[in-house]
């Protein structure tokens, strides 16, 4: 038979273990990433930099909001085919696929919590996610230049 003190210890251990398992099941939100100020077609966007595979895999997942002139820039180690999706991403986003020279190749609007795949029309070095329709509201189209992109 367990004493009340040891029983409390067992219960507390089980509760903490279960809480840890539930917490670990949720992908961690990228926080504390470096930020850059980008000029996109003459408009400023403050973008968090996702440069590692782990940062890119998490992206903007599990966020509940994104300020209007903020986003995330994905920096790839080389020019390559790039596709994005919105699994576990709670906010709708627009994405610009950007060539190594800083020119936008194409844009796509992405709905929250979907697994639809959105791809660059050719190999790119960067992808910039912003709040949904940000590019359209600012008159930014394919061919526009993005200045201030970080080096891979």
C-alpha atoms as a PDB file:
ATOM      1  CA  UNK A   1       0.000   0.000   0.000  1.00  0.00           C
ATOM      2  CA  UNK A   2       1.243   3.512  -0.882  1.00  0.00           C
ATOM      3  CA  UNK A   3       1.387   6.330   1.618  1.00  0.00           C
ATOM      4  CA  UNK A   4      -0.622   9.490   0.787  1.00  0.00           C
ATOM      5  CA  UNK A   5       2.641  11.296   0.041  1.00  0.00           C
ATOM      6  CA  UNK A   6       3.921   8.631  -2.374  1.00  0.00           C
ATOM      7  CA  UNK A   7       0.475   8.418  -3.994  1.00  0.00           C
ATOM      8  CA  UNK A   8       0.520  12.196  -4.596  1.00  0.00           C
ATOM      9  CA  UNK A   9       3.994  11.805  -6.120  1.00  0.00           C
ATOM     10  CA  UNK A  10       2.751   9.031  -8.467  1.00  0.00           C
ATOM     11  CA  UNK A  11      -0.306  11.065  -9.511  1.00  0.00           C
ATOM     12  CA  UNK A  12       1.802  14.185 -10.086  1.00  0.00           C
ATOM     13  CA  UNK A  13       4.311  12.193 -12.156  1.00  0.00           C
ATOM     14  CA  UNK A  14       1.519  10.743 -14.337  1.00  0.00           C
ATOM     15  CA  UNK A  15      -0.105  14.172 -14.807  1.00  0.00           C
ATOM     16  CA  UNK A  16       3.214  15.774 -15.785  1.00  0.00           C
ATOM     17  CA  UNK A  17       4.042  12.904 -18.149  1.00  0.00           C
ATOM     18  CA  UNK A  18       0.644  13.222 -19.851  1.00  0.00           C
ATOM     19  CA  UNK A  19       0.948  16.993 -20.074  1.00  0.00           C
ATOM     20  CA  UNK A  20       4.407  16.632 -21.582  1.00  0.00           C
ATOM     21  CA  UNK A  21       3.116  14.166 -24.169  1.00  0.00           C
ATOM     22  CA  UNK A  22       0.233  16.456 -25.174  1.00  0.00           C
ATOM     23  CA  UNK A  23       2.585  19.419 -25.435  1.00  0.00           C
ATOM     24  CA  UNK A  24       5.151  17.488 -27.448  1.00  0.00           C
ATOM     25  CA  UNK A  25       2.460  16.377 -29.927  1.00  0.00           C
ATOM     26  CA  UNK A  26       1.980  19.995 -31.039  1.00  0.00           C
ATOM     27  CA  UNK A  27       4.704  21.261 -33.390  1.00  0.00           C
ATOM     28  CA  UNK A  28       6.550  24.135 -31.830  1.00  0.00           C
ATOM     29  CA  UNK A  29       5.900  27.593 -33.261  1.00  0.00           C
ATOM     30  CA  UNK A  30       9.011  29.202 -34.747  1.00  0.00           C
ATOM     31  CA  UNK A  31       9.951  31.968 -32.349  1.00  0.00           C
ATOM     32  CA  UNK A  32      13.030  34.079 -31.971  1.00  0.00           C
ATOM     33  CA  UNK A  33      14.005  33.802 -35.627  1.00  0.00           C
ATOM     34  CA  UNK A  34      16.150  36.566 -37.077  1.00  0.00           C
ATOM     35  CA  UNK A  35      14.222  39.244 -38.954  1.00  0.00           C
ATOM     36  CA  UNK A  36      14.969  41.261 -42.072  1.00  0.00           C
ATOM     37  CA  UNK A  37      13.301  44.277 -43.629  1.00  0.00           C
ATOM     38  CA  UNK A  38      12.482  43.592 -47.253  1.00  0.00           C
ATOM     39  CA  UNK A  39      11.356  46.049 -49.905  1.00  0.00           C
ATOM     40  CA  UNK A  40       8.787  44.340 -52.096  1.00  0.00           C
ATOM     41  CA  UNK A  41       7.798  46.418 -55.084  1.00  0.00           C
ATOM     42  CA  UNK A  42       8.584  49.519 -53.000  1.00  0.00           C
ATOM     43  CA  UNK A  43       6.650  48.357 -49.897  1.00  0.00           C
ATOM     44  CA  UNK A  44       8.318  47.265 -46.647  1.00  0.00           C
ATOM     45  CA  UNK A  45       7.771  43.821 -45.100  1.00  0.00           C
ATOM     46  CA  UNK A  46       9.386  42.690 -41.861  1.00  0.00           C
ATOM     47  CA  UNK A  47      10.130  39.008 -42.403  1.00  0.00           C
ATOM     48  CA  UNK A  48      11.291  36.284 -40.078  1.00  0.00           C
ATOM     49  CA  UNK A  49      14.039  34.227 -41.712  1.00  0.00           C
ATOM     50  CA  UNK A  50      13.498  30.459 -41.975  1.00  0.00           C
ATOM     51  CA  UNK A  51      16.880  29.188 -43.182  1.00  0.00           C
ATOM     52  CA  UNK A  52      17.151  25.667 -41.768  1.00  0.00           C
ATOM     53  CA  UNK A  53      15.130  22.633 -42.811  1.00  0.00           C
ATOM     54  CA  UNK A  54      13.507  22.460 -39.353  1.00  0.00           C
ATOM     55  CA  UNK A  55      12.520  26.151 -39.419  1.00  0.00           C
ATOM     56  CA  UNK A  56      11.115  25.745 -42.924  1.00  0.00           C
ATOM     57  CA  UNK A  57       9.162  22.616 -42.027  1.00  0.00           C
ATOM     58  CA  UNK A  58       7.475  24.434 -39.134  1.00  0.00           C
ATOM     59  CA  UNK A  59       7.098  27.725 -41.013  1.00  0.00           C
ATOM     60  CA  UNK A  60       4.101  29.675 -39.711  1.00  0.00           C
ATOM     61  CA  UNK A  61       2.315  26.585 -38.337  1.00  0.00           C
ATOM     62  CA  UNK A  62       0.135  26.963 -35.254  1.00  0.00           C
ATOM     63  CA  UNK A  63       0.176  30.763 -35.288  1.00  0.00           C
ATOM     64  CA  UNK A  64      -3.133  32.484 -34.695  1.00  0.00           C
ATOM     65  CA  UNK A  65      -2.220  35.784 -36.377  1.00  0.00           C
ATOM     66  CA  UNK A  66       0.380  37.605 -38.425  1.00  0.00           C
ATOM     67  CA  UNK A  67       0.720  41.410 -38.400  1.00  0.00           C
ATOM     68  CA  UNK A  68      -0.185  43.153 -41.669  1.00  0.00           C
ATOM     69  CA  UNK A  69       3.292  44.024 -42.954  1.00  0.00           C
ATOM     70  CA  UNK A  70       5.027  40.958 -41.562  1.00  0.00           C
ATOM     71  CA  UNK A  71       5.851  37.587 -43.032  1.00  0.00           C
ATOM     72  CA  UNK A  72       8.346  34.788 -43.265  1.00  0.00           C
ATOM     73  CA  UNK A  73      11.049  34.414 -45.885  1.00  0.00           C
ATOM     74  CA  UNK A  74      12.260  30.900 -46.637  1.00  0.00           C
ATOM     75  CA  UNK A  75      15.908  30.890 -47.731  1.00  0.00           C
ATOM     76  CA  UNK A  76      16.947  27.771 -49.615  1.00  0.00           C
ATOM     77  CA  UNK A  77      20.596  26.636 -49.898  1.00  0.00           C
ATOM     78  CA  UNK A  78      20.419  26.558 -53.702  1.00  0.00           C
ATOM     79  CA  UNK A  79      18.052  27.372 -56.540  1.00  0.00           C
ATOM     80  CA  UNK A  80      15.570  24.493 -56.549  1.00  0.00           C
ATOM     81  CA  UNK A  81      11.950  23.439 -57.138  1.00  0.00           C
ATOM     82  CA  UNK A  82       9.816  24.735 -54.245  1.00  0.00           C
ATOM     83  CA  UNK A  83       6.261  23.901 -53.215  1.00  0.00           C
ATOM     84  CA  UNK A  84       4.365  25.048 -50.115  1.00  0.00           C
ATOM     85  CA  UNK A  85       1.275  23.799 -48.292  1.00  0.00           C
ATOM     86  CA  UNK A  86      -0.762  24.894 -45.292  1.00  0.00           C
ATOM     87  CA  UNK A  87      -1.045  21.811 -43.087  1.00  0.00           C
ATOM     88  CA  UNK A  88      -1.430  22.960 -39.459  1.00  0.00           C
ATOM     89  CA  UNK A  89      -1.268  26.599 -40.561  1.00  0.00           C
ATOM     90  CA  UNK A  90      -4.199  28.448 -39.002  1.00  0.00           C
ATOM     91  CA  UNK A  91      -4.015  31.698 -40.949  1.00  0.00           C
ATOM     92  CA  UNK A  92      -4.486  32.132 -44.714  1.00  0.00           C
ATOM     93  CA  UNK A  93      -1.374  33.353 -46.491  1.00  0.00           C
ATOM     94  CA  UNK A  94      -0.092  34.522 -49.845  1.00  0.00           C
ATOM     95  CA  UNK A  95       3.302  33.388 -51.084  1.00  0.00           C
ATOM     96  CA  UNK A  96       5.761  34.876 -53.548  1.00  0.00           C
ATOM     97  CA  UNK A  97       8.243  32.497 -55.126  1.00  0.00           C
ATOM     98  CA  UNK A  98      11.442  34.464 -55.730  1.00  0.00           C
ATOM     99  CA  UNK A  99      14.405  33.756 -58.027  1.00  0.00           C
ATOM    100  CA  UNK A 100      18.024  34.170 -56.924  1.00  0.00           C
ATOM    101  CA  UNK A 101      18.108  37.621 -58.592  1.00  0.00           C
ATOM    102  CA  UNK A 102      15.282  38.861 -56.328  1.00  0.00           C
ATOM    103  CA  UNK A 103      12.537  38.839 -58.991  1.00  0.00           C
ATOM    104  CA  UNK A 104       9.155  37.343 -58.115  1.00  0.00           C
ATOM    105  CA  UNK A 105       8.512  34.335 -60.367  1.00  0.00           C
ATOM    106  CA  UNK A 106       4.873  33.775 -59.369  1.00  0.00           C
ATOM    107  CA  UNK A 107       2.402  34.324 -56.539  1.00  0.00           C
ATOM    108  CA  UNK A 108      -0.161  32.045 -54.907  1.00  0.00           C
ATOM    109  CA  UNK A 109      -2.925  32.481 -52.332  1.00  0.00           C
ATOM    110  CA  UNK A 110      -3.143  29.680 -49.778  1.00  0.00           C
ATOM    111  CA  UNK A 111      -6.086  28.848 -47.546  1.00  0.00           C
ATOM    112  CA  UNK A 112      -5.558  27.869 -43.897  1.00  0.00           C
ATOM    113  CA  UNK A 113      -5.512  24.231 -42.786  1.00  0.00           C
ATOM    114  CA  UNK A 114      -5.349  22.751 -46.297  1.00  0.00           C
ATOM    115  CA  UNK A 115      -2.983  20.313 -47.941  1.00  0.00           C
ATOM    116  CA  UNK A 116      -3.255  21.901 -51.393  1.00  0.00           C
ATOM    117  CA  UNK A 117       0.203  22.203 -52.923  1.00  0.00           C
ATOM    118  CA  UNK A 118       1.342  25.577 -54.334  1.00  0.00           C
ATOM    119  CA  UNK A 119       4.527  25.478 -56.418  1.00  0.00           C
ATOM    120  CA  UNK A 120       6.961  27.859 -58.033  1.00  0.00           C
ATOM    121  CA  UNK A 121       6.659  27.900 -61.813  1.00  0.00           C
ATOM    122  CA  UNK A 122      10.434  27.396 -62.033  1.00  0.00           C
ATOM    123  CA  UNK A 123      13.327  26.805 -59.648  1.00  0.00           C
ATOM    124  CA  UNK A 124      13.684  29.537 -57.002  1.00  0.00           C
ATOM    125  CA  UNK A 125      15.959  30.507 -54.114  1.00  0.00           C
ATOM    126  CA  UNK A 126      13.350  32.104 -51.816  1.00  0.00           C
ATOM    127  CA  UNK A 127       9.681  32.052 -50.849  1.00  0.00           C
ATOM    128  CA  UNK A 128       8.015  34.912 -48.960  1.00  0.00           C
ATOM    129  CA  UNK A 129       4.768  34.290 -47.054  1.00  0.00           C
ATOM    130  CA  UNK A 130       2.583  37.235 -46.034  1.00  0.00           C
ATOM    131  CA  UNK A 131      -1.001  37.688 -44.823  1.00  0.00           C
ATOM    132  CA  UNK A 132      -3.511  36.633 -47.489  1.00  0.00           C
ATOM    133  CA  UNK A 133      -3.817  39.084 -50.430  1.00  0.00           C
ATOM    134  CA  UNK A 134      -0.942  41.281 -49.186  1.00  0.00           C
ATOM    135  CA  UNK A 135       0.685  41.292 -52.631  1.00  0.00           C
ATOM    136  CA  UNK A 136      -2.588  42.095 -54.432  1.00  0.00           C
ATOM    137  CA  UNK A 137      -3.422  44.933 -52.001  1.00  0.00           C
ATOM    138  CA  UNK A 138      -0.003  46.483 -52.664  1.00  0.00           C
ATOM    139  CA  UNK A 139      -0.107  46.013 -56.437  1.00  0.00           C
ATOM    140  CA  UNK A 140       2.815  43.570 -56.381  1.00  0.00           C
ATOM    141  CA  UNK A 141       2.894  41.142 -59.313  1.00  0.00           C
ATOM    142  CA  UNK A 142       5.221  38.567 -60.845  1.00  0.00           C
ATOM    143  CA  UNK A 143       8.373  40.304 -62.065  1.00  0.00           C
ATOM    144  CA  UNK A 144       8.496  42.737 -59.131  1.00  0.00           C
ATOM    145  CA  UNK A 145      11.823  42.987 -57.339  1.00  0.00           C
ATOM    146  CA  UNK A 146      12.430  42.061 -53.688  1.00  0.00           C
ATOM    147  CA  UNK A 147      15.356  43.923 -52.108  1.00  0.00           C
ATOM    148  CA  UNK A 148      17.138  42.963 -48.880  1.00  0.00           C
ATOM    149  CA  UNK A 149      16.902  39.177 -49.182  1.00  0.00           C
ATOM    150  CA  UNK A 150      19.361  37.393 -46.883  1.00  0.00           C
ATOM    151  CA  UNK A 151      22.149  35.354 -48.431  1.00  0.00           C
ATOM    152  CA  UNK A 152      21.817  31.559 -48.115  1.00  0.00           C
END
